[in-house]
PDB file of N, CA and C in Angstrom:
ATOM      1  N   GLN A   1     158.483  12.894  37.938  1.00  0.00           N
ATOM      2  CA  GLN A   1     158.204  13.977  39.146  1.00  0.00           C
ATOM      3  C   GLN A   1     156.488  13.103  39.676  1.00  0.00           C
ATOM      4  N   LEU A   2     156.785  12.693  41.067  1.00  0.00           N
ATOM      5  CA  LEU A   2     155.764  12.432  41.233  1.00  0.00           C
ATOM      6  C   LEU A   2     154.745  13.444  41.775  1.00  0.00           C
ATOM      7  N   GLN A   3     153.445  13.938  41.161  1.00  0.00           N
ATOM      8  CA  GLN A   3     152.441  15.132  41.329  1.00  0.00           C
ATOM      9  C   GLN A   3     151.620  14.459  42.151  1.00  0.00           C
ATOM     10  N   LEU A   4     150.786  14.789  43.218  1.00  0.00           N
ATOM     11  CA  LEU A   4     149.577  13.867  43.306  1.00  0.00           C
ATOM     12  C   LEU A   4     148.887  15.417  44.171  1.00  0.00           C
ATOM     13  N   VAL A   5     147.284  15.291  43.653  1.00  0.00           N
ATOM     14  CA  VAL A   5     145.773  16.443  43.601  1.00  0.00           C
ATOM     15  C   VAL A   5     145.253  15.488  44.685  1.00  0.00           C
ATOM     16  N   GLU A   6     144.524  16.075  45.433  1.00  0.00           N
ATOM     17  CA  GLU A   6     143.702  15.583  46.010  1.00  0.00           C
ATOM     18  C   GLU A   6     142.089  16.338  45.476  1.00  0.00           C
ATOM     19  N   SER A   7     140.986  15.773  45.585  1.00  0.00           N
ATOM     20  CA  SER A   7     139.430  16.268  45.733  1.00  0.00           C
ATOM     21  C   SER A   7     138.319  15.758  46.372  1.00  0.00           C
ATOM     22  N   GLY A   8     137.931  16.073  46.276  1.00  0.00           N
ATOM     23  CA  GLY A   8     136.385  15.710  47.399  1.00  0.00           C
ATOM     24  C   GLY A   8     136.037  16.266  48.626  1.00  0.00           C
ATOM     25  N   GLY A   9     136.844  17.446  48.957  1.00  0.00           N
ATOM     26  CA  GLY A   9     136.087  18.213  49.497  1.00  0.00           C
ATOM     27  C   GLY A   9     135.195  18.725  50.081  1.00  0.00           C
ATOM     28  N   GLY A  10     134.594  19.432  51.165  1.00  0.00           N
ATOM     29  CA  GLY A  10     133.476  20.415  50.773  1.00  0.00           C
ATOM     30  C   GLY A  10     133.028  20.887  52.236  1.00  0.00           C
ATOM     31  N   SER A  11     131.617  20.988  52.247  1.00  0.00           N
ATOM     32  CA  SER A  11     131.126  21.095  53.270  1.00  0.00           C
ATOM     33  C   SER A  11     130.160  20.503  53.313  1.00  0.00           C
ATOM     34  N   VAL A  12     129.911  19.476  54.709  1.00  0.00           N
ATOM     35  CA  VAL A  12     128.739  18.876  55.205  1.00  0.00           C
ATOM     36  C   VAL A  12     128.503  18.846  56.292  1.00  0.00           C
ATOM     37  N   GLN A  13     126.982  19.050  56.532  1.00  0.00           N
ATOM     38  CA  GLN A  13     126.696  18.925  58.166  1.00  0.00           C
ATOM     39  C   GLN A  13     127.463  17.236  59.208  1.00  0.00           C
ATOM     40  N   PRO A  14     127.376  17.943  60.077  1.00  0.00           N
ATOM     41  CA  PRO A  14     127.890  16.658  61.237  1.00  0.00           C
ATOM     42  C   PRO A  14     126.904  15.078  60.740  1.00  0.00           C
ATOM     43  N   GLY A  15     127.598  14.060  60.996  1.00  0.00           N
ATOM     44  CA  GLY A  15     127.326  13.037  60.470  1.00  0.00           C
ATOM     45  C   GLY A  15     126.944  12.715  59.139  1.00  0.00           C
ATOM     46  N   GLY A  16     127.198  13.544  58.304  1.00  0.00           N
ATOM     47  CA  GLY A  16     127.899  13.403  57.183  1.00  0.00           C
ATOM     48  C   GLY A  16     128.522  12.596  56.439  1.00  0.00           C
ATOM     49  N   SER A  17     129.361  12.586  55.268  1.00  0.00           N
ATOM     50  CA  SER A  17     130.359  11.449  54.433  1.00  0.00           C
ATOM     51  C   SER A  17     130.612  12.593  53.768  1.00  0.00           C
ATOM     52  N   LEU A  18     131.949  12.264  53.333  1.00  0.00           N
ATOM     53  CA  LEU A  18     132.592  12.775  52.436  1.00  0.00           C
ATOM     54  C   LEU A  18     133.617  11.786  51.427  1.00  0.00           C
ATOM     55  N   ARG A  19     134.110  11.343  50.716  1.00  0.00           N
ATOM     56  CA  ARG A  19     135.308  10.348  49.764  1.00  0.00           C
ATOM     57  C   ARG A  19     135.979  11.492  49.016  1.00  0.00           C
ATOM     58  N   LEU A  20     137.012  11.869  50.130  1.00  0.00           N
ATOM     59  CA  LEU A  20     138.929  12.186  49.220  1.00  0.00           C
ATOM     60  C   LEU A  20     139.694  11.155  48.061  1.00  0.00           C
ATOM     61  N   SER A  21     139.793  12.116  47.096  1.00  0.00           N
ATOM     62  CA  SER A  21     140.575  11.583  45.882  1.00  0.00           C
ATOM     63  C   SER A  21     141.791  12.621  45.895  1.00  0.00           C
ATOM     64  N   CYS A  22     142.586  10.965  45.800  1.00  0.00           N
ATOM     65  CA  CYS A  22     144.531  11.236  45.891  1.00  0.00           C
ATOM     66  C   CYS A  22     144.898  10.729  44.587  1.00  0.00           C
ATOM     67  N   VAL A  23     144.378  11.519  43.241  1.00  0.00           N
ATOM     68  CA  VAL A  23     145.167  10.735  42.266  1.00  0.00           C
ATOM     69  C   VAL A  23     147.018  11.359  41.794  1.00  0.00           C
ATOM     70  N   ALA A  24     147.434  10.972  41.292  1.00  0.00           N
ATOM     71  CA  ALA A  24     149.286  10.053  41.323  1.00  0.00           C
ATOM     72  C   ALA A  24     149.349  10.388  39.538  1.00  0.00           C
ATOM     73  N   SER A  25     149.871  11.737  39.271  1.00  0.00           N
ATOM     74  CA  SER A  25     150.745  10.855  37.760  1.00  0.00           C
ATOM     75  C   SER A  25     152.205  11.542  37.748  1.00  0.00           C
ATOM     76  N   GLY A  26     152.614  10.823  36.921  1.00  0.00           N
ATOM     77  CA  GLY A  26     154.418  11.476  36.784  1.00  0.00           C
ATOM     78  C   GLY A  26     154.510   9.698  37.205  1.00  0.00           C
ATOM     79  N   VAL A  27     154.138   9.372  37.906  1.00  0.00           N
ATOM     80  CA  VAL A  27     154.899   8.207  38.476  1.00  0.00           C
ATOM     81  C   VAL A  27     154.012   7.126  38.930  1.00  0.00           C
ATOM     82  N   THR A  28     153.929   5.971  38.980  1.00  0.00           N
ATOM     83  CA  THR A  28     152.925   4.965  39.304  1.00  0.00           C
ATOM     84  C   THR A  28     153.461   4.813  40.788  1.00  0.00           C
ATOM     85  N   LEU A  29     152.390   4.499  41.139  1.00  0.00           N
ATOM     86  CA  LEU A  29     152.261   4.342  42.952  1.00  0.00           C
ATOM     87  C   LEU A  29     152.292   3.349  43.635  1.00  0.00           C
ATOM     88  N   ASP A  30     152.519   1.985  42.404  1.00  0.00           N
ATOM     89  CA  ASP A  30     152.575   0.618  42.816  1.00  0.00           C
ATOM     90  C   ASP A  30     153.524   0.441  44.000  1.00  0.00           C
ATOM     91  N   TYR A  31     154.848   1.585  44.644  1.00  0.00           N
ATOM     92  CA  TYR A  31     155.551   1.083  45.073  1.00  0.00           C
ATOM     93  C   TYR A  31     155.997   2.411  46.209  1.00  0.00           C
ATOM     94  N   TYR A  32     154.833   3.369  46.449  1.00  0.00           N
ATOM     95  CA  TYR A  32     154.595   4.166  47.232  1.00  0.00           C
ATOM     96  C   TYR A  32     153.705   3.781  48.183  1.00  0.00           C
ATOM     97  N   ASN A  33     153.936   3.767  49.621  1.00  0.00           N
ATOM     98  CA  ASN A  33     153.030   4.126  50.724  1.00  0.00           C
ATOM     99  C   ASN A  33     152.206   5.494  50.435  1.00  0.00           C
ATOM    100  N   ILE A  34     150.780   5.413  51.324  1.00  0.00           N
ATOM    101  CA  ILE A  34     150.159   6.946  50.987  1.00  0.00           C
ATOM    102  C   ILE A  34     149.816   6.993  52.256  1.00  0.00           C
ATOM    103  N   GLY A  35     150.189   9.093  52.326  1.00  0.00           N
ATOM    104  CA  GLY A  35     149.439   8.789  54.306  1.00  0.00           C
ATOM    105  C   GLY A  35     148.711   9.672  53.450  1.00  0.00           C
ATOM    106  N   TRP A  36     147.096  10.306  54.725  1.00  0.00           N
ATOM    107  CA  TRP A  36     146.278  10.937  54.238  1.00  0.00           C
ATOM    108  C   TRP A  36     146.898  11.834  55.761  1.00  0.00           C
ATOM    109  N   PHE A  37     146.952  12.885  55.608  1.00  0.00           N
ATOM    110  CA  PHE A  37     146.864  14.061  56.755  1.00  0.00           C
ATOM    111  C   PHE A  37     146.005  15.566  56.734  1.00  0.00           C
ATOM    112  N   ARG A  38     146.212  15.846  58.440  1.00  0.00           N
ATOM    113  CA  ARG A  38     145.234  16.742  58.105  1.00  0.00           C
ATOM    114  C   ARG A  38     145.222  18.000  58.897  1.00  0.00           C
ATOM    115  N   GLN A  39     145.260  19.286  58.546  1.00  0.00           N
ATOM    116  CA  GLN A  39     145.995  19.949  58.911  1.00  0.00           C
ATOM    117  C   GLN A  39     144.658  21.599  59.963  1.00  0.00           C
ATOM    118  N   ALA A  40     144.203  22.500  60.611  1.00  0.00           N
ATOM    119  CA  ALA A  40     143.011  22.956  61.403  1.00  0.00           C
ATOM    120  C   ALA A  40     143.539  23.696  61.637  1.00  0.00           C
ATOM    121  N   PRO A  41     143.327  24.800  61.353  1.00  0.00           N
ATOM    122  CA  PRO A  41     143.974  26.351  61.472  1.00  0.00           C
ATOM    123  C   PRO A  41     144.349  26.502  63.169  1.00  0.00           C
ATOM    124  N   GLY A  42     145.511  26.942  62.807  1.00  0.00           N
ATOM    125  CA  GLY A  42     146.361  27.220  63.993  1.00  0.00           C
ATOM    126  C   GLY A  42     146.899  25.803  64.834  1.00  0.00           C
ATOM    127  N   LYS A  43     146.513  24.858  64.004  1.00  0.00           N
ATOM    128  CA  LYS A  43     147.204  22.967  64.528  1.00  0.00           C
ATOM    129  C   LYS A  43     148.257  22.519  63.950  1.00  0.00           C
ATOM    130  N   GLU A  44     148.875  21.535  64.567  1.00  0.00           N
ATOM    131  CA  GLU A  44     149.509  21.151  63.849  1.00  0.00           C
ATOM    132  C   GLU A  44     149.591  20.105  62.621  1.00  0.00           C
ATOM    133  N   ARG A  45     150.086  19.802  61.656  1.00  0.00           N
ATOM    134  CA  ARG A  45     149.813  18.635  60.834  1.00  0.00           C
ATOM    135  C   ARG A  45     149.501  17.409  61.163  1.00  0.00           C
ATOM    136  N   GLU A  46     148.888  16.404  61.465  1.00  0.00           N
ATOM    137  CA  GLU A  46     148.285  15.493  62.147  1.00  0.00           C
ATOM    138  C   GLU A  46     148.082  14.260  61.366  1.00  0.00           C
ATOM    139  N   ALA A  47     147.879  12.861  61.229  1.00  0.00           N
ATOM    140  CA  ALA A  47     147.848  11.613  60.513  1.00  0.00           C
ATOM    141  C   ALA A  47     147.202  11.596  60.531  1.00  0.00           C
ATOM    142  N   VAL A  48     146.204  10.850  59.340  1.00  0.00           N
ATOM    143  CA  VAL A  48     144.430  10.480  59.933  1.00  0.00           C
ATOM    144  C   VAL A  48     144.940   9.138  59.278  1.00  0.00           C
ATOM    145  N   SER A  49     145.368   8.600  58.470  1.00  0.00           N
ATOM    146  CA  SER A  49     145.624   7.376  57.380  1.00  0.00           C
ATOM    147  C   SER A  49     146.970   6.976  57.036  1.00  0.00           C
ATOM    148  N   CYS A  50     147.185   5.691  56.782  1.00  0.00           N
ATOM    149  CA  CYS A  50     148.102   5.088  55.580  1.00  0.00           C
ATOM    150  C   CYS A  50     147.419   4.113  55.476  1.00  0.00           C
ATOM    151  N   ILE A  51     148.189   3.834  54.055  1.00  0.00           N
ATOM    152  CA  ILE A  51     148.106   2.362  53.194  1.00  0.00           C
ATOM    153  C   ILE A  51     149.718   1.990  52.794  1.00  0.00           C
ATOM    154  N   SER A  52     149.673   0.689  52.228  1.00  0.00           N
ATOM    155  CA  SER A  52     150.586   0.209  52.326  1.00  0.00           C
ATOM    156  C   SER A  52     150.782  -0.134  50.613  1.00  0.00           C
ATOM    157  N   PRO A  53     151.614  -0.100  49.889  1.00  0.00           N
ATOM    158  CA  PRO A  53     151.694  -0.408  48.418  1.00  0.00           C
ATOM    159  C   PRO A  53     150.091  -0.868  47.789  1.00  0.00           C
ATOM    160  N   GLY A  54     150.461  -2.237  48.237  1.00  0.00           N
ATOM    161  CA  GLY A  54     149.702  -3.321  48.072  1.00  0.00           C
ATOM    162  C   GLY A  54     148.013  -3.303  48.237  1.00  0.00           C
ATOM    163  N   GLY A  55     147.889  -2.338  49.840  1.00  0.00           N
ATOM    164  CA  GLY A  55     147.384  -1.939  50.010  1.00  0.00           C
ATOM    165  C   GLY A  55     146.321  -2.909  51.196  1.00  0.00           C
ATOM    166  N   GLY A  56     147.430  -3.825  51.626  1.00  0.00           N
ATOM    167  CA  GLY A  56     147.237  -5.028  52.319  1.00  0.00           C
ATOM    168  C   GLY A  56     147.184  -4.558  53.789  1.00  0.00           C
ATOM    169  N   ARG A  57     148.017  -3.519  54.156  1.00  0.00           N
ATOM    170  CA  ARG A  57     147.909  -2.568  55.492  1.00  0.00           C
ATOM    171  C   ARG A  57     147.575  -1.380  55.655  1.00  0.00           C
ATOM    172  N   THR A  58     147.282  -1.226  56.177  1.00  0.00           N
ATOM    173  CA  THR A  58     146.131   0.433  56.669  1.00  0.00           C
ATOM    174  C   THR A  58     146.357   0.737  58.254  1.00  0.00           C
ATOM    175  N   ARG A  59     146.553   2.201  58.715  1.00  0.00           N
ATOM    176  CA  ARG A  59     146.325   2.394  59.909  1.00  0.00           C
ATOM    177  C   ARG A  59     145.215   3.717  59.568  1.00  0.00           C
ATOM    178  N   TYR A  60     145.039   3.319  61.096  1.00  0.00           N
ATOM    179  CA  TYR A  60     144.070   4.964  61.272  1.00  0.00           C
ATOM    180  C   TYR A  60     144.892   5.530  62.627  1.00  0.00           C
ATOM    181  N   ALA A  61     144.160   6.941  62.645  1.00  0.00           N
ATOM    182  CA  ALA A  61     144.447   7.623  64.035  1.00  0.00           C
ATOM    183  C   ALA A  61     143.522   7.392  64.270  1.00  0.00           C
ATOM    184  N   ASP A  62     143.458   7.185  65.915  1.00  0.00           N
ATOM    185  CA  ASP A  62     142.373   6.709  67.043  1.00  0.00           C
ATOM    186  C   ASP A  62     141.382   7.627  66.905  1.00  0.00           C
ATOM    187  N   SER A  63     141.440   8.760  66.391  1.00  0.00           N
ATOM    188  CA  SER A  63     140.174   9.845  66.524  1.00  0.00           C
ATOM    189  C   SER A  63     139.561   9.082  65.045  1.00  0.00           C
ATOM    190  N   VAL A  64     139.886   8.660  64.829  1.00  0.00           N
ATOM    191  CA  VAL A  64     139.000   8.722  63.367  1.00  0.00           C
ATOM    192  C   VAL A  64     138.248   6.914  62.861  1.00  0.00           C
ATOM    193  N   LYS A  65     138.968   5.983  63.534  1.00  0.00           N
ATOM    194  CA  LYS A  65     138.557   4.304  63.520  1.00  0.00           C
ATOM    195  C   LYS A  65     137.821   4.318  64.047  1.00  0.00           C
ATOM    196  N   GLY A  66     136.834   3.438  62.744  1.00  0.00           N
ATOM    197  CA  GLY A  66     135.421   3.089  62.585  1.00  0.00           C
ATOM    198  C   GLY A  66     134.872   3.873  61.769  1.00  0.00           C
ATOM    199  N   ARG A  67     135.305   4.534  61.278  1.00  0.00           N
ATOM    200  CA  ARG A  67     134.693   6.159  61.303  1.00  0.00           C
ATOM    201  C   ARG A  67     135.103   6.646  59.069  1.00  0.00           C
ATOM    202  N   PHE A  68     136.648   6.236  59.050  1.00  0.00           N
ATOM    203  CA  PHE A  68     137.145   6.713  58.282  1.00  0.00           C
ATOM    204  C   PHE A  68     137.462   5.241  57.465  1.00  0.00           C
ATOM    205  N   THR A  69     137.922   5.128  55.902  1.00  0.00           N
ATOM    206  CA  THR A  69     138.471   3.978  55.844  1.00  0.00           C
ATOM    207  C   THR A  69     138.742   4.702  54.071  1.00  0.00           C
ATOM    208  N   ILE A  70     140.791   3.626  54.321  1.00  0.00           N
ATOM    209  CA  ILE A  70     141.309   4.121  52.960  1.00  0.00           C
ATOM    210  C   ILE A  70     141.621   3.163  52.572  1.00  0.00           C
ATOM    211  N   SER A  71     141.250   3.359  50.892  1.00  0.00           N
ATOM    212  CA  SER A  71     141.631   2.341  49.581  1.00  0.00           C
ATOM    213  C   SER A  71     142.651   3.382  48.733  1.00  0.00           C
ATOM    214  N   ARG A  72     142.631   1.767  47.958  1.00  0.00           N
ATOM    215  CA  ARG A  72     143.392   2.172  46.757  1.00  0.00           C
ATOM    216  C   ARG A  72     143.103   1.803  45.731  1.00  0.00           C
ATOM    217  N   ASP A  73     143.645   2.269  44.839  1.00  0.00           N
ATOM    218  CA  ASP A  73     143.166   1.472  43.103  1.00  0.00           C
ATOM    219  C   ASP A  73     144.240   1.936  42.139  1.00  0.00           C
ATOM    220  N   ASN A  74     145.364   0.700  42.199  1.00  0.00           N
ATOM    221  CA  ASN A  74     146.836   1.649  41.121  1.00  0.00           C
ATOM    222  C   ASN A  74     146.516   1.461  40.038  1.00  0.00           C
ATOM    223  N   ALA A  75     145.531   0.499  39.507  1.00  0.00           N
ATOM    224  CA  ALA A  75     145.301   0.796  37.849  1.00  0.00           C
ATOM    225  C   ALA A  75     144.657   2.493  37.549  1.00  0.00           C
ATOM    226  N   LYS A  76     144.169   2.988  38.610  1.00  0.00           N
ATOM    227  CA  LYS A  76     143.812   4.274  38.467  1.00  0.00           C
ATOM    228  C   LYS A  76     144.898   5.385  38.968  1.00  0.00           C
ATOM    229  N   ASN A  77     145.830   5.045  39.986  1.00  0.00           N
ATOM    230  CA  ASN A  77     146.680   5.682  40.410  1.00  0.00           C
ATOM    231  C   ASN A  77     145.631   6.441  41.263  1.00  0.00           C
ATOM    232  N   THR A  78     145.517   5.956  42.095  1.00  0.00           N
ATOM    233  CA  THR A  78     144.283   6.781  43.246  1.00  0.00           C
ATOM    234  C   THR A  78     144.259   6.162  44.496  1.00  0.00           C
ATOM    235  N   VAL A  79     143.955   6.887  45.103  1.00  0.00           N
ATOM    236  CA  VAL A  79     143.951   6.195  47.137  1.00  0.00           C
ATOM    237  C   VAL A  79     142.251   7.524  47.620  1.00  0.00           C
ATOM    238  N   TYR A  80     142.254   6.676  47.961  1.00  0.00           N
ATOM    239  CA  TYR A  80     140.426   6.865  49.010  1.00  0.00           C
ATOM    240  C   TYR A  80     140.611   7.534  50.096  1.00  0.00           C
ATOM    241  N   LEU A  81     139.721   8.377  50.789  1.00  0.00           N
ATOM    242  CA  LEU A  81     139.128   8.170  52.182  1.00  0.00           C
ATOM    243  C   LEU A  81     138.233   8.683  52.000  1.00  0.00           C
ATOM    244  N   GLN A  82     137.282   7.381  52.337  1.00  0.00           N
ATOM    245  CA  GLN A  82     135.803   7.834  52.356  1.00  0.00           C
ATOM    246  C   GLN A  82     135.721   7.724  54.158  1.00  0.00           C
ATOM    247  N   MET A  83     135.277   9.033  54.280  1.00  0.00           N
ATOM    248  CA  MET A  83     134.956   9.699  55.994  1.00  0.00           C
ATOM    249  C   MET A  83     133.608   9.769  55.261  1.00  0.00           C
ATOM    250  N   ASN A  84     132.930   8.858  56.956  1.00  0.00           N
ATOM    251  CA  ASN A  84     131.808   8.482  57.448  1.00  0.00           C
ATOM    252  C   ASN A  84     131.211   9.446  59.115  1.00  0.00           C
ATOM    253  N   SER A  85     130.611   9.548  59.225  1.00  0.00           N
ATOM    254  CA  SER A  85     130.333  10.094  60.596  1.00  0.00           C
ATOM    255  C   SER A  85     130.652  11.179  60.732  1.00  0.00           C
ATOM    256  N   LEU A  86     130.952  12.695  60.260  1.00  0.00           N
ATOM    257  CA  LEU A  86     131.932  13.363  60.017  1.00  0.00           C
ATOM    258  C   LEU A  86     131.594  14.248  61.154  1.00  0.00           C
ATOM    259  N   LYS A  87     132.464  14.718  61.887  1.00  0.00           N
ATOM    260  CA  LYS A  87     132.001  15.976  63.363  1.00  0.00           C
ATOM    261  C   LYS A  87     132.964  17.220  62.954  1.00  0.00           C
ATOM    262  N   PRO A  88     132.499  18.129  63.519  1.00  0.00           N
ATOM    263  CA  PRO A  88     132.916  19.326  63.715  1.00  0.00           C
ATOM    264  C   PRO A  88     134.460  19.408  63.890  1.00  0.00           C
ATOM    265  N   GLU A  89     134.901  18.296  64.704  1.00  0.00           N
ATOM    266  CA  GLU A  89     136.211  18.557  64.426  1.00  0.00           C
ATOM    267  C   GLU A  89     137.248  17.994  64.358  1.00  0.00           C
ATOM    268  N   ASP A  90     136.210  17.143  62.809  1.00  0.00           N
ATOM    269  CA  ASP A  90     136.987  16.774  61.181  1.00  0.00           C
ATOM    270  C   ASP A  90     137.028  17.570  60.191  1.00  0.00           C
ATOM    271  N   THR A  91     137.038  19.287  61.112  1.00  0.00           N
ATOM    272  CA  THR A  91     137.115  20.429  60.207  1.00  0.00           C
ATOM    273  C   THR A  91     138.537  20.574  59.285  1.00  0.00           C
ATOM    274  N   ALA A  92     139.191  20.459  58.333  1.00  0.00           N
ATOM    275  CA  ALA A  92     141.178  20.680  58.334  1.00  0.00           C
ATOM    276  C   ALA A  92     141.074  20.532  56.846  1.00  0.00           C
ATOM    277  N   ALA A  93     142.390  21.603  56.521  1.00  0.00           N
ATOM    278  CA  ALA A  93     142.392  20.615  55.400  1.00  0.00           C
ATOM    279  C   ALA A  93     143.371  19.794  55.366  1.00  0.00           C
ATOM    280  N   TYR A  94     142.940  18.913  54.114  1.00  0.00           N
ATOM    281  CA  TYR A  94     143.439  17.245  54.146  1.00  0.00           C
ATOM    282  C   TYR A  94     144.573  17.314  52.879  1.00  0.00           C
ATOM    283  N   TYR A  95     144.982  15.853  53.361  1.00  0.00           N
ATOM    284  CA  TYR A  95     146.771  16.381  52.641  1.00  0.00           C
ATOM    285  C   TYR A  95     147.164  15.426  51.819  1.00  0.00           C
ATOM    286  N   CYS A  96     147.605  14.639  50.614  1.00  0.00           N
ATOM    287  CA  CYS A  96     147.565  13.313  51.151  1.00  0.00           C
ATOM    288  C   CYS A  96     149.084  13.536  50.159  1.00  0.00           C
ATOM    289  N   ALA A  97     149.854  12.295  51.026  1.00  0.00           N
ATOM    290  CA  ALA A  97     151.412  12.448  50.833  1.00  0.00           C
ATOM    291  C   ALA A  97     151.871  10.956  50.623  1.00  0.00           C
ATOM    292  N   ALA A  98     153.261  10.985  49.611  1.00  0.00           N
ATOM    293  CA  ALA A  98     153.747   9.675  49.414  1.00  0.00           C
ATOM    294  C   ALA A  98     155.101   9.321  49.564  1.00  0.00           C
ATOM    295  N   ASP A  99     154.963   8.282  49.778  1.00  0.00           N
ATOM    296  CA  ASP A  99     156.573   7.850  50.508  1.00  0.00           C
ATOM    297  C   ASP A  99     156.892   6.598  49.769  1.00  0.00           C
ATOM    298  N   ARG A 100     157.798   6.589  48.942  1.00  0.00           N
ATOM    299  CA  ARG A 100     158.208   5.346  48.430  1.00  0.00           C
ATOM    300  C   ARG A 100     159.310   4.404  49.341  1.00  0.00           C
ATOM    301  N   VAL A 101     158.582   3.105  49.178  1.00  0.00           N
ATOM    302  CA  VAL A 101     159.199   2.271  50.580  1.00  0.00           C
ATOM    303  C   VAL A 101     159.800   0.618  49.333  1.00  0.00           C
ATOM    304  N   SER A 102     160.183   0.079  50.628  1.00  0.00           N
ATOM    305  CA  SER A 102     160.703  -1.580  49.626  1.00  0.00           C
ATOM    306  C   SER A 102     159.518  -1.929  49.974  1.00  0.00           C
ATOM    307  N   ALA A 103     159.300  -3.376  49.420  1.00  0.00           N
ATOM    308  CA  ALA A 103     158.474  -4.727  49.736  1.00  0.00           C
ATOM    309  C   ALA A 103     158.069  -4.656  51.091  1.00  0.00           C
ATOM    310  N   GLY A 104     157.053  -4.705  51.928  1.00  0.00           N
ATOM    311  CA  GLY A 104     157.339  -4.614  53.130  1.00  0.00           C
ATOM    312  C   GLY A 104     157.389  -4.219  54.055  1.00  0.00           C
ATOM    313  N   ASP A 105     157.882  -2.862  53.824  1.00  0.00           N
ATOM    314  CA  ASP A 105     157.689  -1.369  54.608  1.00  0.00           C
ATOM    315  C   ASP A 105     156.421  -1.596  55.241  1.00  0.00           C
ATOM    316  N   PRO A 106     155.947  -1.676  56.107  1.00  0.00           N
ATOM    317  CA  PRO A 106     154.780  -0.670  57.025  1.00  0.00           C
ATOM    318  C   PRO A 106     155.087   0.795  56.587  1.00  0.00           C
ATOM    319  N   CYS A 107     153.696   1.105  56.390  1.00  0.00           N
ATOM    320  CA  CYS A 107     153.496   2.951  56.125  1.00  0.00           C
ATOM    321  C   CYS A 107     153.129   3.378  58.010  1.00  0.00           C
ATOM    322  N   TYR A 108     154.089   4.938  57.065  1.00  0.00           N
ATOM    323  CA  TYR A 108     154.004   5.552  58.621  1.00  0.00           C
ATOM    324  C   TYR A 108     153.486   6.746  58.972  1.00  0.00           C
ATOM    325  N   PHE A 109     153.588   6.681  60.148  1.00  0.00           N
ATOM    326  CA  PHE A 109     152.505   8.175  60.473  1.00  0.00           C
ATOM    327  C   PHE A 109     153.434   9.730  60.573  1.00  0.00           C
ATOM    328  N   SER A 110     154.360   9.404  60.498  1.00  0.00           N
ATOM    329  CA  SER A 110     155.633  10.716  60.420  1.00  0.00           C
ATOM    330  C   SER A 110     155.588  11.177  59.351  1.00  0.00           C
ATOM    331  N   LYS A 111     155.358  12.827  59.596  1.00  0.00           N
ATOM    332  CA  LYS A 111     155.609  13.194  58.187  1.00  0.00           C
ATOM    333  C   LYS A 111     156.721  13.732  57.851  1.00  0.00           C
ATOM    334  N   SER A 112     157.914  13.599  57.940  1.00  0.00           N
ATOM    335  CA  SER A 112     158.923  13.424  57.787  1.00  0.00           C
ATOM    336  C   SER A 112     159.614  11.880  56.664  1.00  0.00           C
ATOM    337  N   ALA A 113     158.956  10.732  56.934  1.00  0.00           N
ATOM    338  CA  ALA A 113     158.423   9.891  55.604  1.00  0.00           C
ATOM    339  C   ALA A 113     158.416   9.893  54.360  1.00  0.00           C
ATOM    340  N   TYR A 114     157.542  11.276  54.173  1.00  0.00           N
ATOM    341  CA  TYR A 114     156.937  11.426  53.224  1.00  0.00           C
ATOM    342  C   TYR A 114     157.836  12.536  52.489  1.00  0.00           C
ATOM    343  N   ASP A 115     157.733  12.520  51.077  1.00  0.00           N
ATOM    344  CA  ASP A 115     158.674  13.189  50.281  1.00  0.00           C
ATOM    345  C   ASP A 115     157.688  14.087  49.153  1.00  0.00           C
ATOM    346  N   TYR A 116     156.547  13.058  48.778  1.00  0.00           N
ATOM    347  CA  TYR A 116     155.311  14.104  47.959  1.00  0.00           C
ATOM    348  C   TYR A 116     153.942  14.293  48.211  1.00  0.00           C
ATOM    349  N   TRP A 117     153.735  16.092  48.534  1.00  0.00           N
ATOM    350  CA  TRP A 117     152.484  16.102  49.202  1.00  0.00           C
ATOM    351  C   TRP A 117     151.707  16.924  47.882  1.00  0.00           C
ATOM    352  N   GLY A 118     150.219  16.289  48.166  1.00  0.00           N
ATOM    353  CA  GLY A 118     149.489  17.267  47.459  1.00  0.00           C
ATOM    354  C   GLY A 118     149.043  18.722  48.076  1.00  0.00           C
ATOM    355  N   GLN A 119     148.585  19.638  47.065  1.00  0.00           N
ATOM    356  CA  GLN A 119     147.835  20.735  47.419  1.00  0.00           C
ATOM    357  C   GLN A 119     146.679  20.870  48.503  1.00  0.00           C
ATOM    358  N   GLY A 120     146.190  19.835  48.485  1.00  0.00           N
ATOM    359  CA  GLY A 120     145.346  19.358  50.010  1.00  0.00           C
ATOM    360  C   GLY A 120     143.538  20.126  49.040  1.00  0.00           C
ATOM    361  N   THR A 121     143.251  19.701  50.118  1.00  0.00           N
ATOM    362  CA  THR A 121     141.724  20.055  50.060  1.00  0.00           C
ATOM    363  C   THR A 121     140.618  20.170  51.067  1.00  0.00           C
ATOM    364  N   GLN A 122     139.912  21.142  51.220  1.00  0.00           N
ATOM    365  CA  GLN A 122     139.045  21.616  52.392  1.00  0.00           C
ATOM    366  C   GLN A 122     137.642  21.178  52.865  1.00  0.00           C
ATOM    367  N   VAL A 123     138.141  20.582  54.150  1.00  0.00           N
ATOM    368  CA  VAL A 123     136.567  19.335  54.447  1.00  0.00           C
ATOM    369  C   VAL A 123     136.260  20.747  55.716  1.00  0.00           C
ATOM    370  N   THR A 124     135.052  20.760  55.484  1.00  0.00           N
ATOM    371  CA  THR A 124     134.315  21.721  56.674  1.00  0.00           C
ATOM    372  C   THR A 124     133.032  21.024  57.069  1.00  0.00           C
ATOM    373  N   VAL A 125     132.482  20.649  58.820  1.00  0.00           N
ATOM    374  CA  VAL A 125     132.241  19.597  58.895  1.00  0.00           C
ATOM    375  C   VAL A 125     130.762  21.083  60.016  1.00  0.00           C
ATOM    376  N   SER A 126     129.958  21.408  59.696  1.00  0.00           N
ATOM    377  CA  SER A 126     129.189  22.625  60.377  1.00  0.00           C
ATOM    378  C   SER A 126     127.941  22.745  60.286  1.00  0.00           C
ATOM    379  N   SER A 127     126.413  22.631  61.445  1.00  0.00           N
ATOM    380  CA  SER A 127     125.510  22.753  60.847  1.00  0.00           C
ATOM    381  C   SER A 127     125.067  23.962  60.578  1.00  0.00           C
TER     382      SER A 127
END
């Protein structure tokens, strides 16, 4: 059974940076798209970024383009989300999720595409 654990969240001032990690256990991530989602209080969970199994295809929400970078190290069974130039509106609980796919599949922003979810890590951006 695939399990995902996020880490790296915390409190940071506007303009600061954080790097989130999503570590998988139980199954190799070689055949999984990984998505990062976030949910602020009172709001729907929204997609932030996703990455294909080989890392060759990525996708970003418009709100984070140019500031966030997703990457993966399959040898470590880990996916990262580097977040730079953080803004107060980035404050949310961040979740990673995994979707088993076939070779060549794109990564999706739809929550329903993902079968496995981590417990989340809190990111707070405030002065």
